Structure formats: C-alpha cells, structure tokens
C-alpha cells in the first residue's frame, strides 16, 4: 500500500519580534499545537503531492483567526485539507501575529 504523509514543519515566522507578552513569535510558534493534516485518500490514490504554503493569523487568545493558501498546489483537495488543518491549530496567548508555514504532502 502506498503510504501518504503530510508534514507541517518549517521555520518561517516574521523574524521573531518580541510581542508585549514577552514571548517571541518563534517561541510562540514552537509552543503551538500544530497537528499535520491527514492525507486525503482520493489524493493519495491519484498520486497527488505538493507543498501548500499557508499564511495564517493567530489572535491574542492563541486561536487561528484566518488562514489561506498563499501558494497552492494544483490539487484543490490538498489545498483545502492544509488550510482546514491550520485553522484548527492552537498557540499560547499573545499578540495577534501572522505566520507562513509549508504543509507538505508527499507519498512514501
């Protein structure tokens, strides 16, 4: 069986400026719960892979208040799965801040 794996690692932030909370953006990102999305079965069956660059804004309470595919794959299913996964991420409270993270869908 072809295993699919989605990976949500990456070190892009906005330079780690310190917010009023005293926690740098990079530290806040590191403290977040960011589960990778599950690989859509249909996309896996069709061999669809790619990286979705998701830009998202984390509000003061640590919830993601907006997310969209800044750089999408040709596969709408992967793009939607990446964005909906990011919308469920949670972070420590702090200033409202924007991040960009790559969500990688690859078959192994």
C-alpha atoms as a PDB file:
ATOM      1  CA  UNK A   1       0.000   0.000   0.000  1.00  0.00           C
ATOM      2  CA  UNK A   2       1.218   3.492  -0.744  1.00  0.00           C
ATOM      3  CA  UNK A   3       1.683   5.426   2.459  1.00  0.00           C
ATOM      4  CA  UNK A   4       0.950   9.125   2.413  1.00  0.00           C
ATOM      5  CA  UNK A   5       2.392  11.546   4.883  1.00  0.00           C
ATOM      6  CA  UNK A   6       1.666  15.195   5.485  1.00  0.00           C
ATOM      7  CA  UNK A   7       4.379  17.176   7.196  1.00  0.00           C
ATOM      8  CA  UNK A   8       3.886  20.561   8.836  1.00  0.00           C
ATOM      9  CA  UNK A   9       7.446  21.518   9.702  1.00  0.00           C
ATOM     10  CA  UNK A  10       9.279  24.672   8.742  1.00  0.00           C
ATOM     11  CA  UNK A  11      10.878  27.641  10.399  1.00  0.00           C
ATOM     12  CA  UNK A  12       9.224  30.616   8.702  1.00  0.00           C
ATOM     13  CA  UNK A  13       7.943  33.300  11.019  1.00  0.00           C
ATOM     14  CA  UNK A  14       8.144  37.040  10.853  1.00  0.00           C
ATOM     15  CA  UNK A  15      11.637  37.374  12.261  1.00  0.00           C
ATOM     16  CA  UNK A  16      10.769  36.540  15.873  1.00  0.00           C
ATOM     17  CA  UNK A  17       9.927  40.051  17.048  1.00  0.00           C
ATOM     18  CA  UNK A  18       9.006  40.178  20.704  1.00  0.00           C
ATOM     19  CA  UNK A  19       5.380  40.923  21.468  1.00  0.00           C
ATOM     20  CA  UNK A  20       4.086  42.627  24.580  1.00  0.00           C
ATOM     21  CA  UNK A  21       3.708  39.158  26.096  1.00  0.00           C
ATOM     22  CA  UNK A  22       7.497  38.850  26.182  1.00  0.00           C
ATOM     23  CA  UNK A  23       7.278  35.646  24.138  1.00  0.00           C
ATOM     24  CA  UNK A  24       8.972  35.828  20.748  1.00  0.00           C
ATOM     25  CA  UNK A  25       6.923  34.850  17.715  1.00  0.00           C
ATOM     26  CA  UNK A  26       9.299  31.940  17.060  1.00  0.00           C
ATOM     27  CA  UNK A  27       8.858  30.652  20.629  1.00  0.00           C
ATOM     28  CA  UNK A  28       5.113  31.033  20.357  1.00  0.00           C
ATOM     29  CA  UNK A  29       5.106  29.077  17.119  1.00  0.00           C
ATOM     30  CA  UNK A  30       7.219  26.384  18.786  1.00  0.00           C
ATOM     31  CA  UNK A  31       4.724  26.248  21.683  1.00  0.00           C
ATOM     32  CA  UNK A  32       1.796  25.705  19.345  1.00  0.00           C
ATOM     33  CA  UNK A  33      -0.196  22.534  18.762  1.00  0.00           C
ATOM     34  CA  UNK A  34       0.112  22.063  15.009  1.00  0.00           C
ATOM     35  CA  UNK A  35      -1.014  18.566  14.008  1.00  0.00           C
ATOM     36  CA  UNK A  36      -0.334  17.776  10.360  1.00  0.00           C
ATOM     37  CA  UNK A  37      -3.427  17.174   8.237  1.00  0.00           C
ATOM     38  CA  UNK A  38      -4.351  13.652   7.232  1.00  0.00           C
ATOM     39  CA  UNK A  39      -3.583  12.799   3.625  1.00  0.00           C
ATOM     40  CA  UNK A  40      -6.830  12.774   1.608  1.00  0.00           C
ATOM     41  CA  UNK A  41      -7.394   9.178   0.406  1.00  0.00           C
ATOM     42  CA  UNK A  42      -8.534  10.349  -3.026  1.00  0.00           C
ATOM     43  CA  UNK A  43      -5.410  12.479  -3.472  1.00  0.00           C
ATOM     44  CA  UNK A  44      -3.208   9.572  -2.340  1.00  0.00           C
ATOM     45  CA  UNK A  45      -4.932   7.205  -4.794  1.00  0.00           C
ATOM     46  CA  UNK A  46      -4.294   9.678  -7.621  1.00  0.00           C
ATOM     47  CA  UNK A  47      -0.664  10.200  -6.582  1.00  0.00           C
ATOM     48  CA  UNK A  48      -1.222  13.909  -5.873  1.00  0.00           C
ATOM     49  CA  UNK A  49       1.615  15.512  -3.909  1.00  0.00           C
ATOM     50  CA  UNK A  50       2.849  19.023  -3.260  1.00  0.00           C
ATOM     51  CA  UNK A  51       3.503  21.794  -0.794  1.00  0.00           C
ATOM     52  CA  UNK A  52       0.819  24.253   0.269  1.00  0.00           C
ATOM     53  CA  UNK A  53       2.233  27.473   1.702  1.00  0.00           C
ATOM     54  CA  UNK A  54      -0.384  28.544   4.253  1.00  0.00           C
ATOM     55  CA  UNK A  55      -0.454  32.100   5.587  1.00  0.00           C
ATOM     56  CA  UNK A  56      -2.371  32.397   8.842  1.00  0.00           C
ATOM     57  CA  UNK A  57      -3.072  34.882  11.603  1.00  0.00           C
ATOM     58  CA  UNK A  58      -3.057  33.882  15.272  1.00  0.00           C
ATOM     59  CA  UNK A  59      -5.248  36.027  17.519  1.00  0.00           C
ATOM     60  CA  UNK A  60      -4.485  37.164  21.065  1.00  0.00           C
ATOM     61  CA  UNK A  61      -6.227  34.111  22.536  1.00  0.00           C
ATOM     62  CA  UNK A  62      -3.988  31.745  20.543  1.00  0.00           C
ATOM     63  CA  UNK A  63      -6.640  30.645  18.020  1.00  0.00           C
ATOM     64  CA  UNK A  64      -6.067  30.906  14.278  1.00  0.00           C
ATOM     65  CA  UNK A  65      -8.411  33.670  13.110  1.00  0.00           C
ATOM     66  CA  UNK A  66      -7.690  33.390   9.393  1.00  0.00           C
ATOM     67  CA  UNK A  67      -5.806  31.086   7.047  1.00  0.00           C
ATOM     68  CA  UNK A  68      -5.452  30.780   3.298  1.00  0.00           C
ATOM     69  CA  UNK A  69      -3.210  29.091   0.731  1.00  0.00           C
ATOM     70  CA  UNK A  70      -0.663  31.778  -0.151  1.00  0.00           C
ATOM     71  CA  UNK A  71       0.951  29.352  -2.600  1.00  0.00           C
ATOM     72  CA  UNK A  72      -1.299  26.452  -3.556  1.00  0.00           C
ATOM     73  CA  UNK A  73      -0.729  23.105  -5.254  1.00  0.00           C
ATOM     74  CA  UNK A  74      -2.629  22.231  -8.455  1.00  0.00           C
ATOM     75  CA  UNK A  75      -4.781  19.927  -6.276  1.00  0.00           C
ATOM     76  CA  UNK A  76      -7.782  21.645  -4.599  1.00  0.00           C
ATOM     77  CA  UNK A  77      -8.200  18.710  -2.202  1.00  0.00           C
ATOM     78  CA  UNK A  78      -4.679  19.146  -0.788  1.00  0.00           C
ATOM     79  CA  UNK A  79      -5.082  22.927  -0.575  1.00  0.00           C
ATOM     80  CA  UNK A  80      -8.379  22.654   1.334  1.00  0.00           C
ATOM     81  CA  UNK A  81      -7.030  19.968   3.688  1.00  0.00           C
ATOM     82  CA  UNK A  82      -3.940  22.056   4.507  1.00  0.00           C
ATOM     83  CA  UNK A  83      -5.916  25.236   5.214  1.00  0.00           C
ATOM     84  CA  UNK A  84      -8.581  23.489   7.298  1.00  0.00           C
ATOM     85  CA  UNK A  85      -5.874  21.765   9.386  1.00  0.00           C
ATOM     86  CA  UNK A  86      -4.116  25.092  10.059  1.00  0.00           C
ATOM     87  CA  UNK A  87      -7.425  26.679  11.118  1.00  0.00           C
ATOM     88  CA  UNK A  88      -7.579  24.153  13.990  1.00  0.00           C
ATOM     89  CA  UNK A  89      -4.079  24.876  15.298  1.00  0.00           C
ATOM     90  CA  UNK A  90      -3.710  26.421  18.777  1.00  0.00           C
ATOM     91  CA  UNK A  91      -0.968  28.623  20.192  1.00  0.00           C
ATOM     92  CA  UNK A  92      -0.100  30.256  23.522  1.00  0.00           C
ATOM     93  CA  UNK A  93      -1.875  33.618  24.031  1.00  0.00           C
ATOM     94  CA  UNK A  94      -0.029  36.764  22.917  1.00  0.00           C
ATOM     95  CA  UNK A  95      -0.163  39.484  20.298  1.00  0.00           C
ATOM     96  CA  UNK A  96      -2.017  38.994  17.028  1.00  0.00           C
ATOM     97  CA  UNK A  97       0.649  37.754  14.615  1.00  0.00           C
ATOM     98  CA  UNK A  98       0.896  36.453  11.053  1.00  0.00           C
ATOM     99  CA  UNK A  99       2.874  33.347  10.108  1.00  0.00           C
ATOM    100  CA  UNK A 100       3.539  31.397   6.927  1.00  0.00           C
ATOM    101  CA  UNK A 101       4.085  27.632   7.096  1.00  0.00           C
ATOM    102  CA  UNK A 102       4.601  24.995   4.414  1.00  0.00           C
ATOM    103  CA  UNK A 103       2.344  21.939   4.598  1.00  0.00           C
ATOM    104  CA  UNK A 104       3.998  19.155   2.599  1.00  0.00           C
ATOM    105  CA  UNK A 105       2.007  16.267   1.147  1.00  0.00           C
ATOM    106  CA  UNK A 106       4.318  13.530  -0.068  1.00  0.00           C
ATOM    107  CA  UNK A 107       3.865   9.857  -0.862  1.00  0.00           C
ATOM    108  CA  UNK A 108       6.496   7.494   0.504  1.00  0.00           C
END
